[in-house]
N, C-alpha and C. Protein backbone atom coordinates (compact mmCIF):
# COMPACT_ATOMS: atom_id res chain seq x y z
N MET A 1 93.11 111.28 160.00
CA MET A 1 93.24 111.70 158.62
C MET A 1 93.88 113.08 158.59
N GLY A 2 94.84 113.27 157.71
CA GLY A 2 95.51 114.54 157.57
C GLY A 2 94.79 115.42 156.57
N SER A 3 95.45 116.49 156.22
CA SER A 3 94.92 117.38 155.20
C SER A 3 96.03 117.64 154.19
N VAL A 4 95.64 118.22 153.06
CA VAL A 4 96.58 118.53 151.99
C VAL A 4 96.74 120.05 151.93
N ILE A 5 97.98 120.50 151.84
CA ILE A 5 98.28 121.92 151.70
C ILE A 5 98.79 122.15 150.28
N LEU A 6 98.11 123.02 149.54
CA LEU A 6 98.56 123.41 148.21
C LEU A 6 99.39 124.69 148.36
N HIS A 7 100.60 124.67 147.86
CA HIS A 7 101.46 125.86 147.85
C HIS A 7 101.39 126.45 146.45
N LEU A 8 101.00 127.72 146.37
CA LEU A 8 100.83 128.36 145.08
C LEU A 8 102.03 129.23 144.73
N SER A 9 102.17 129.53 143.46
CA SER A 9 103.32 130.30 142.98
C SER A 9 103.36 131.72 143.54
N ASN A 10 102.23 132.26 143.99
CA ASN A 10 102.20 133.61 144.56
C ASN A 10 102.47 133.62 146.06
N GLY A 11 102.81 132.46 146.64
CA GLY A 11 103.12 132.36 148.05
C GLY A 11 101.96 131.96 148.94
N GLU A 12 100.75 131.94 148.39
CA GLU A 12 99.58 131.54 149.18
C GLU A 12 99.60 130.04 149.44
N LYS A 13 98.93 129.66 150.52
CA LYS A 13 98.75 128.25 150.86
C LYS A 13 97.26 128.00 151.04
N ILE A 14 96.79 126.89 150.50
CA ILE A 14 95.38 126.52 150.62
C ILE A 14 95.32 125.14 151.26
N GLU A 15 94.57 125.03 152.35
CA GLU A 15 94.42 123.75 153.04
C GLU A 15 93.14 123.07 152.57
N MET A 16 93.26 121.81 152.21
CA MET A 16 92.11 121.00 151.79
C MET A 16 91.93 119.88 152.80
N ALA A 17 90.68 119.49 153.04
CA ALA A 17 90.38 118.47 154.02
C ALA A 17 90.72 117.05 153.54
N ASP A 18 91.04 116.90 152.27
CA ASP A 18 91.36 115.58 151.71
C ASP A 18 92.69 115.06 152.25
N SER A 19 92.80 113.73 152.33
CA SER A 19 94.09 113.12 152.58
C SER A 19 94.87 113.14 151.28
N LEU A 20 96.15 112.86 151.33
CA LEU A 20 96.97 112.84 150.13
C LEU A 20 96.47 111.77 149.14
N GLU A 21 96.07 110.62 149.65
CA GLU A 21 95.54 109.55 148.78
C GLU A 21 94.26 109.99 148.08
N GLU A 22 93.36 110.64 148.82
CA GLU A 22 92.12 111.14 148.22
C GLU A 22 92.43 112.19 147.15
N PHE A 23 93.39 113.06 147.43
CA PHE A 23 93.79 114.08 146.47
C PHE A 23 94.31 113.43 145.19
N LYS A 24 95.19 112.45 145.34
CA LYS A 24 95.74 111.75 144.18
C LYS A 24 94.64 111.08 143.36
N ASP A 25 93.73 110.40 144.04
CA ASP A 25 92.65 109.69 143.34
C ASP A 25 91.75 110.64 142.57
N GLU A 26 91.47 111.80 143.16
CA GLU A 26 90.52 112.72 142.55
C GLU A 26 91.14 113.60 141.46
N TYR A 27 92.38 114.03 141.64
CA TYR A 27 92.94 115.06 140.76
C TYR A 27 94.09 114.61 139.86
N LEU A 28 94.73 113.47 140.15
CA LEU A 28 95.89 113.06 139.37
C LEU A 28 95.60 111.81 138.55
N ASP A 29 96.23 111.72 137.37
CA ASP A 29 96.07 110.51 136.57
C ASP A 29 97.09 109.46 137.03
N GLU A 30 97.14 108.34 136.34
CA GLU A 30 98.01 107.24 136.75
C GLU A 30 99.49 107.58 136.64
N LYS A 31 99.84 108.60 135.84
CA LYS A 31 101.23 109.01 135.70
C LYS A 31 101.60 110.13 136.67
N GLY A 32 100.63 110.61 137.46
CA GLY A 32 100.91 111.66 138.43
C GLY A 32 100.68 113.08 137.93
N TYR A 33 100.13 113.20 136.73
CA TYR A 33 99.82 114.51 136.17
C TYR A 33 98.38 114.89 136.54
N PHE A 34 98.11 116.20 136.62
CA PHE A 34 96.75 116.65 136.89
C PHE A 34 95.83 116.24 135.75
N LYS A 35 94.63 115.76 136.10
CA LYS A 35 93.66 115.35 135.10
C LYS A 35 93.06 116.54 134.36
N PHE A 36 92.94 117.66 135.06
CA PHE A 36 92.31 118.85 134.51
C PHE A 36 93.25 120.05 134.71
N GLY A 37 92.93 121.17 134.09
CA GLY A 37 93.75 122.36 134.21
C GLY A 37 93.44 123.19 135.44
N TYR A 38 92.48 122.73 136.24
CA TYR A 38 92.11 123.47 137.45
C TYR A 38 91.56 122.53 138.50
N ILE A 39 91.49 123.03 139.73
CA ILE A 39 90.85 122.33 140.84
C ILE A 39 89.80 123.28 141.39
N GLU A 40 88.56 122.80 141.52
CA GLU A 40 87.50 123.62 142.10
C GLU A 40 87.44 123.33 143.60
N ILE A 41 87.51 124.38 144.39
CA ILE A 41 87.51 124.23 145.84
C ILE A 41 86.28 124.93 146.40
N GLU A 42 85.47 124.17 147.16
CA GLU A 42 84.30 124.75 147.81
C GLU A 42 84.70 125.21 149.21
N LEU A 43 84.31 126.41 149.56
CA LEU A 43 84.62 126.93 150.89
C LEU A 43 83.75 126.25 151.93
N ASN A 44 84.36 125.77 152.98
CA ASN A 44 83.68 125.13 154.11
C ASN A 44 82.92 123.87 153.74
N ASP A 45 83.06 123.38 152.51
CA ASP A 45 82.44 122.12 152.07
C ASP A 45 80.93 122.10 152.34
N ILE A 46 80.26 123.22 152.17
CA ILE A 46 78.82 123.32 152.38
C ILE A 46 78.16 123.64 151.05
N LYS A 47 77.09 122.92 150.73
CA LYS A 47 76.37 123.16 149.48
C LYS A 47 75.90 124.61 149.45
N GLY A 48 76.03 125.24 148.31
CA GLY A 48 75.59 126.61 148.16
C GLY A 48 76.63 127.65 148.55
N GLU A 49 77.69 127.21 149.22
CA GLU A 49 78.77 128.13 149.58
C GLU A 49 79.57 128.44 148.32
N PRO A 50 80.18 129.59 148.29
CA PRO A 50 80.98 129.95 147.10
C PRO A 50 82.16 128.99 146.90
N SER A 51 82.56 128.85 145.67
CA SER A 51 83.73 128.05 145.37
C SER A 51 84.65 128.88 144.49
N PHE A 52 85.88 128.43 144.35
CA PHE A 52 86.81 129.13 143.47
C PHE A 52 87.68 128.10 142.78
N LEU A 53 88.32 128.54 141.70
CA LEU A 53 89.17 127.66 140.91
C LEU A 53 90.63 127.97 141.18
N VAL A 54 91.42 126.93 141.29
CA VAL A 54 92.87 127.07 141.37
C VAL A 54 93.41 126.39 140.12
N PHE A 55 94.06 127.16 139.27
CA PHE A 55 94.63 126.59 138.06
C PHE A 55 95.89 125.81 138.42
N THR A 56 96.01 124.62 137.86
CA THR A 56 97.07 123.71 138.26
C THR A 56 98.47 124.23 137.94
N ASP A 57 98.59 125.14 136.97
CA ASP A 57 99.93 125.68 136.69
C ASP A 57 100.38 126.66 137.77
N GLN A 58 99.49 127.02 138.70
CA GLN A 58 99.85 127.88 139.83
C GLN A 58 100.32 127.07 141.05
N ILE A 59 100.11 125.77 141.02
CA ILE A 59 100.47 124.91 142.16
C ILE A 59 101.94 124.52 142.03
N VAL A 60 102.73 124.86 143.05
CA VAL A 60 104.16 124.53 143.02
C VAL A 60 104.50 123.36 143.93
N ALA A 61 103.62 123.05 144.90
CA ALA A 61 103.87 121.92 145.80
C ALA A 61 102.55 121.47 146.41
N VAL A 62 102.47 120.16 146.66
CA VAL A 62 101.33 119.57 147.35
C VAL A 62 101.91 118.76 148.51
N LEU A 63 101.59 119.17 149.72
CA LEU A 63 102.14 118.50 150.91
C LEU A 63 101.03 118.00 151.79
N GLU A 64 101.28 116.88 152.47
CA GLU A 64 100.30 116.35 153.43
C GLU A 64 100.68 116.78 154.82
N GLU A 65 99.69 117.29 155.54
CA GLU A 65 99.89 117.66 156.95
C GLU A 65 99.12 116.67 157.78
N LYS A 66 99.80 116.06 158.76
CA LYS A 66 99.14 115.01 159.55
C LYS A 66 98.68 115.54 160.86
């Protein structure tokens, strides 16, 4: 299973443990648009760990790394 890299407009990159298919299922509608105006990302995928929001208008590319 690969991971998804979000490229943000400020040059930052965020790696998510999801595959591209999982990302599409969770965050995109049937037309390929984001379902919500943000994505909540939990650090280290551990309950109680801090999380942060990435607003979808800051995302310029979504790439799968295998």
